[in-house]
């Protein structure tokens, strides 16, 4: 008769992913400073020691949670395919839809946390320089996200992605395609 196996199960299994998902939700809702290991563990329905086991610290789980899950190589060609005309509107529409979806939680967590955490600010700078090389377009998108999701300023907070794309798209378009931004 075989003896039942004892001890830890091999590998991370779904637990690490479950914790990361809970961390994204938790940090997106409360930001880095108000976020806690216990809060993440409660949301994931696991013991807090498991959060520390997989990520080492609150900083570790935050860094893993805000690793933006979208690869620009997947969406940039689709945005560029129709040409430069209308690119600004397509880009704004894409980002607002992303922020409004579960895939946008990591970036929202980062945006909510950046005002109170130097580490979060550094992560946002890293994301913007890596993923959004056009800094003026990035400043418009990040500013809109701050006003929409953190400050909840109307009419941005309740506007549809289509409305935001129409309002912000021409400015982003100018930033992406203008040869001389100092010309009037």
Protein backbone atom coordinates (compact mmCIF):
# COMPACT_ATOMS: atom_id res chain seq x y z
CA UNK A 1 0.00 0.00 0.00
CA UNK A 2 1.44 3.37 -1.04
CA UNK A 3 1.86 5.96 1.66
CA UNK A 4 0.11 9.28 1.02
CA UNK A 5 2.46 12.05 0.00
CA UNK A 6 3.19 14.65 2.67
CA UNK A 7 4.74 18.11 2.62
CA UNK A 8 4.38 20.95 0.18
CA UNK A 9 2.98 20.39 -3.25
CA UNK A 10 5.51 20.92 -6.05
CA UNK A 11 5.46 24.16 -8.03
CA UNK A 12 3.47 27.34 -7.60
CA UNK A 13 0.27 26.03 -9.14
CA UNK A 14 -2.55 28.52 -9.40
CA UNK A 15 -1.79 30.13 -6.01
CA UNK A 16 0.79 32.65 -7.30
CA UNK A 17 -1.55 33.75 -10.10
CA UNK A 18 -4.45 34.03 -7.67
CA UNK A 19 -2.34 36.25 -5.38
CA UNK A 20 -1.21 38.43 -8.30
CA UNK A 21 -4.78 38.90 -9.48
CA UNK A 22 -5.86 39.84 -5.96
CA UNK A 23 -2.90 42.23 -5.64
CA UNK A 24 -3.80 43.98 -8.90
CA UNK A 25 -7.37 44.47 -7.72
CA UNK A 26 -6.26 45.55 -4.23
CA UNK A 27 -3.60 48.04 -5.37
CA UNK A 28 -5.88 49.43 -8.13
CA UNK A 29 -8.53 50.11 -5.49
CA UNK A 30 -6.40 51.49 -2.62
CA UNK A 31 -2.97 52.32 -4.06
CA UNK A 32 0.43 51.27 -2.77
CA UNK A 33 0.53 53.10 0.57
CA UNK A 34 -2.87 51.83 1.76
CA UNK A 35 -2.28 48.37 0.31
CA UNK A 36 -1.34 45.61 2.75
CA UNK A 37 -0.12 42.03 2.58
CA UNK A 38 -3.10 41.07 4.76
CA UNK A 39 -5.52 42.86 2.40
CA UNK A 40 -4.08 41.07 -0.61
CA UNK A 41 -4.16 37.73 1.20
CA UNK A 42 -7.78 38.26 2.25
CA UNK A 43 -8.75 39.10 -1.32
CA UNK A 44 -6.96 35.98 -2.59
CA UNK A 45 -8.35 33.84 0.27
CA UNK A 46 -4.84 32.69 1.24
CA UNK A 47 -2.67 33.01 4.32
CA UNK A 48 -0.54 36.22 4.33
CA UNK A 49 2.59 34.08 4.67
CA UNK A 50 1.95 32.76 1.14
CA UNK A 51 2.06 36.28 -0.26
CA UNK A 52 5.44 36.75 1.39
CA UNK A 53 6.59 33.31 0.28
CA UNK A 54 5.99 34.08 -3.39
CA UNK A 55 6.91 37.78 -3.46
CA UNK A 56 9.09 38.47 -0.40
CA UNK A 57 7.55 41.82 0.56
CA UNK A 58 4.84 44.34 -0.22
CA UNK A 59 7.25 45.99 -2.68
CA UNK A 60 7.83 42.64 -4.36
CA UNK A 61 4.16 41.86 -4.85
CA UNK A 62 3.53 45.44 -6.03
CA UNK A 63 6.30 45.23 -8.65
CA UNK A 64 4.93 41.91 -9.90
CA UNK A 65 1.36 43.22 -9.90
CA UNK A 66 2.11 46.33 -11.95
CA UNK A 67 4.15 44.56 -14.60
CA UNK A 68 1.97 45.71 -17.50
CA UNK A 69 0.49 42.58 -19.10
CA UNK A 70 0.14 43.95 -22.62
CA UNK A 71 2.95 43.64 -25.11
CA UNK A 72 3.21 46.74 -27.33
CA UNK A 73 4.30 44.47 -30.20
CA UNK A 74 0.77 43.05 -30.14
CA UNK A 75 -1.24 46.30 -30.23
CA UNK A 76 0.99 48.93 -31.87
CA UNK A 77 0.91 47.37 -35.38
CA UNK A 78 -2.91 47.24 -35.21
CA UNK A 79 -3.05 50.90 -34.22
CA UNK A 80 -0.65 51.88 -37.01
CA UNK A 81 -2.18 49.69 -39.75
CA UNK A 82 -4.79 52.23 -40.93
CA UNK A 83 -2.08 54.91 -41.23
CA UNK A 84 -1.16 58.03 -39.28
CA UNK A 85 -4.49 59.79 -39.85
CA UNK A 86 -6.61 59.16 -36.77
CA UNK A 87 -3.78 57.49 -34.84
CA UNK A 88 -4.27 59.82 -31.87
CA UNK A 89 -7.93 58.90 -31.50
CA UNK A 90 -7.18 55.18 -31.90
CA UNK A 91 -4.45 55.36 -29.27
CA UNK A 92 -6.63 57.23 -26.74
CA UNK A 93 -9.52 54.82 -27.37
CA UNK A 94 -7.24 51.80 -26.93
CA UNK A 95 -5.79 53.04 -23.63
CA UNK A 96 -9.14 54.05 -22.13
CA UNK A 97 -10.65 50.67 -23.03
CA UNK A 98 -7.58 48.96 -21.55
CA UNK A 99 -7.77 51.00 -18.33
CA UNK A 100 -11.47 50.19 -18.02
CA UNK A 101 -10.80 46.45 -18.38
CA UNK A 102 -9.22 43.95 -15.96
CA UNK A 103 -6.02 44.13 -18.04
CA UNK A 104 -5.68 47.78 -17.03
CA UNK A 105 -5.61 47.13 -13.28
CA UNK A 106 -1.80 47.07 -13.06
CA UNK A 107 -1.51 50.50 -14.64
CA UNK A 108 -4.34 51.91 -12.53
CA UNK A 109 -2.65 50.60 -9.40
CA UNK A 110 0.50 52.35 -10.47
CA UNK A 111 -1.28 55.62 -11.29
CA UNK A 112 -3.13 55.62 -7.94
CA UNK A 113 0.11 54.92 -6.09
CA UNK A 114 2.46 57.30 -7.87
CA UNK A 115 1.47 60.40 -5.89
CA UNK A 116 2.50 58.85 -2.56
CA UNK A 117 5.36 56.53 -3.43
CA UNK A 118 8.74 57.32 -4.95
CA UNK A 119 9.04 53.65 -5.96
CA UNK A 120 5.71 53.80 -7.76
CA UNK A 121 6.79 57.03 -9.50
CA UNK A 122 9.97 55.29 -10.67
CA UNK A 123 7.94 52.35 -11.97
CA UNK A 124 5.62 54.71 -13.87
CA UNK A 125 8.63 56.51 -15.40
CA UNK A 126 10.06 53.12 -16.40
CA UNK A 127 6.74 52.04 -17.95
CA UNK A 128 6.29 55.30 -19.86
CA UNK A 129 9.83 55.31 -21.23
CA UNK A 130 9.63 51.62 -22.17
CA UNK A 131 6.08 51.41 -23.52
CA UNK A 132 5.20 54.98 -24.59
CA UNK A 133 8.28 56.47 -26.16
CA UNK A 134 6.45 59.63 -27.25
CA UNK A 135 6.59 61.58 -23.97
CA UNK A 136 4.06 64.29 -24.85
CA UNK A 137 1.48 61.69 -25.92
CA UNK A 138 2.26 59.76 -22.74
CA UNK A 139 1.77 62.86 -20.59
CA UNK A 140 -1.68 63.39 -22.09
CA UNK A 141 -2.68 59.75 -21.53
CA UNK A 142 -1.30 59.58 -17.97
CA UNK A 143 -2.87 62.95 -17.12
CA UNK A 144 -6.23 61.77 -18.45
CA UNK A 145 -5.96 58.56 -16.42
CA UNK A 146 -5.16 60.56 -13.27
CA UNK A 147 -8.16 62.85 -13.81
CA UNK A 148 -10.51 59.99 -14.77
CA UNK A 149 -9.60 57.30 -12.22
CA UNK A 150 -7.98 59.06 -9.26
CA UNK A 151 -9.47 62.56 -9.09
CA UNK A 152 -12.66 61.40 -10.86
CA UNK A 153 -13.11 64.76 -12.55
CA UNK A 154 -16.22 65.11 -14.68
CA UNK A 155 -16.82 64.86 -17.55
CA UNK A 156 -13.71 62.68 -17.96
CA UNK A 157 -14.74 60.24 -15.22
CA UNK A 158 -17.98 59.19 -16.89
CA UNK A 159 -17.10 59.72 -20.55
CA UNK A 160 -17.10 56.76 -22.88
CA UNK A 161 -13.89 55.63 -24.58
CA UNK A 162 -15.31 57.01 -27.84
CA UNK A 163 -15.87 60.46 -26.31
CA UNK A 164 -12.40 60.56 -24.79
CA UNK A 165 -10.87 59.49 -28.08
CA UNK A 166 -12.61 62.38 -29.86
CA UNK A 167 -11.62 64.91 -27.18
CA UNK A 168 -7.99 63.86 -26.66
CA UNK A 169 -7.18 62.17 -29.96
CA UNK A 170 -6.34 65.31 -31.97
CA UNK A 171 -3.85 66.46 -29.32
CA UNK A 172 -2.19 63.03 -29.14
CA UNK A 173 -2.21 62.93 -32.96
CA UNK A 174 -0.37 66.26 -33.10
CA UNK A 175 2.22 65.02 -30.61
CA UNK A 176 2.82 61.84 -32.60
CA UNK A 177 2.99 63.34 -36.08
CA UNK A 178 4.03 67.02 -35.83
CA UNK A 179 7.52 67.70 -37.11
CA UNK A 180 7.98 70.91 -35.16
CA UNK A 181 6.00 71.07 -31.92
CA UNK A 182 7.14 74.65 -31.25
CA UNK A 183 5.37 75.97 -34.34
CA UNK A 184 1.88 77.37 -33.78
